[in-house]
């Protein structure tokens, strides 16, 4: 049986790093803006919850 090749760190941490950056940007944006832009900032913050939930439902877990 072949041993599985380990994944590079870039592949492991790419999506979590992007979710972190988008969420942090949404938090900062929500503090700096008022009005209709608050909805977009809330969506950016909620993205870090939405993506893993969609992934879990898609995999059936």
C-alpha atoms as a PDB file:
ATOM      1  CA  UNK A   1       0.000   0.000   0.000  1.00  0.00           C
ATOM      2  CA  UNK A   2       1.307   3.449  -0.934  1.00  0.00           C
ATOM      3  CA  UNK A   3       1.808   6.021   1.754  1.00  0.00           C
ATOM      4  CA  UNK A   4      -0.260   9.179   1.238  1.00  0.00           C
ATOM      5  CA  UNK A   5       1.740  12.239   0.283  1.00  0.00           C
ATOM      6  CA  UNK A   6       1.343  15.037   2.869  1.00  0.00           C
ATOM      7  CA  UNK A   7      -0.433  18.175   1.727  1.00  0.00           C
ATOM      8  CA  UNK A   8       1.571  21.403   1.478  1.00  0.00           C
ATOM      9  CA  UNK A   9       0.823  24.019   4.133  1.00  0.00           C
ATOM     10  CA  UNK A  10      -0.449  26.451   1.519  1.00  0.00           C
ATOM     11  CA  UNK A  11      -3.187  24.035   0.509  1.00  0.00           C
ATOM     12  CA  UNK A  12      -4.144  23.296   4.117  1.00  0.00           C
ATOM     13  CA  UNK A  13      -4.403  26.907   5.296  1.00  0.00           C
ATOM     14  CA  UNK A  14      -5.546  28.757   2.148  1.00  0.00           C
ATOM     15  CA  UNK A  15      -9.325  28.649   2.718  1.00  0.00           C
ATOM     16  CA  UNK A  16      -9.169  29.304   6.493  1.00  0.00           C
ATOM     17  CA  UNK A  17      -6.816  32.242   5.895  1.00  0.00           C
ATOM     18  CA  UNK A  18      -9.137  33.708   3.255  1.00  0.00           C
ATOM     19  CA  UNK A  19     -12.158  33.289   5.538  1.00  0.00           C
ATOM     20  CA  UNK A  20     -10.262  34.977   8.368  1.00  0.00           C
ATOM     21  CA  UNK A  21      -9.247  37.913   6.166  1.00  0.00           C
ATOM     22  CA  UNK A  22     -12.783  38.415   4.816  1.00  0.00           C
ATOM     23  CA  UNK A  23     -14.309  38.141   8.288  1.00  0.00           C
ATOM     24  CA  UNK A  24     -11.814  40.561   9.830  1.00  0.00           C
ATOM     25  CA  UNK A  25     -12.369  42.990   6.980  1.00  0.00           C
ATOM     26  CA  UNK A  26     -16.122  42.729   7.540  1.00  0.00           C
ATOM     27  CA  UNK A  27     -15.741  43.446  11.250  1.00  0.00           C
ATOM     28  CA  UNK A  28     -13.594  46.503  10.626  1.00  0.00           C
ATOM     29  CA  UNK A  29     -15.901  47.656   7.839  1.00  0.00           C
ATOM     30  CA  UNK A  30     -18.942  47.303  10.123  1.00  0.00           C
ATOM     31  CA  UNK A  31     -17.288  49.550  12.681  1.00  0.00           C
ATOM     32  CA  UNK A  32     -16.404  52.231  10.146  1.00  0.00           C
ATOM     33  CA  UNK A  33     -19.553  52.503   8.000  1.00  0.00           C
ATOM     34  CA  UNK A  34     -23.219  53.224   8.596  1.00  0.00           C
ATOM     35  CA  UNK A  35     -26.291  52.631   6.535  1.00  0.00           C
ATOM     36  CA  UNK A  36     -26.908  50.040   3.840  1.00  0.00           C
ATOM     37  CA  UNK A  37     -23.251  49.010   3.790  1.00  0.00           C
ATOM     38  CA  UNK A  38     -23.797  47.367   7.179  1.00  0.00           C
ATOM     39  CA  UNK A  39     -25.627  44.550   5.408  1.00  0.00           C
ATOM     40  CA  UNK A  40     -22.584  43.791   3.256  1.00  0.00           C
ATOM     41  CA  UNK A  41     -20.326  43.921   6.304  1.00  0.00           C
ATOM     42  CA  UNK A  42     -22.614  41.474   8.137  1.00  0.00           C
ATOM     43  CA  UNK A  43     -22.524  39.120   5.153  1.00  0.00           C
ATOM     44  CA  UNK A  44     -18.737  39.258   5.147  1.00  0.00           C
ATOM     45  CA  UNK A  45     -18.652  38.403   8.847  1.00  0.00           C
ATOM     46  CA  UNK A  46     -21.234  35.629   8.443  1.00  0.00           C
ATOM     47  CA  UNK A  47     -19.303  34.075   5.586  1.00  0.00           C
ATOM     48  CA  UNK A  48     -16.985  32.333   8.045  1.00  0.00           C
ATOM     49  CA  UNK A  49     -20.029  30.454   9.393  1.00  0.00           C
ATOM     50  CA  UNK A  50     -21.762  29.873   6.083  1.00  0.00           C
ATOM     51  CA  UNK A  51     -18.902  28.206   4.188  1.00  0.00           C
ATOM     52  CA  UNK A  52     -18.202  25.416   6.722  1.00  0.00           C
ATOM     53  CA  UNK A  53     -21.945  24.803   7.160  1.00  0.00           C
ATOM     54  CA  UNK A  54     -22.431  24.412   3.403  1.00  0.00           C
ATOM     55  CA  UNK A  55     -19.421  22.110   3.232  1.00  0.00           C
ATOM     56  CA  UNK A  56     -20.768  19.944   6.070  1.00  0.00           C
ATOM     57  CA  UNK A  57     -24.228  19.683   4.498  1.00  0.00           C
ATOM     58  CA  UNK A  58     -22.755  18.866   1.093  1.00  0.00           C
ATOM     59  CA  UNK A  59     -20.653  16.051   2.540  1.00  0.00           C
ATOM     60  CA  UNK A  60     -23.623  14.704   4.470  1.00  0.00           C
ATOM     61  CA  UNK A  61     -22.005  15.195   7.862  1.00  0.00           C
END
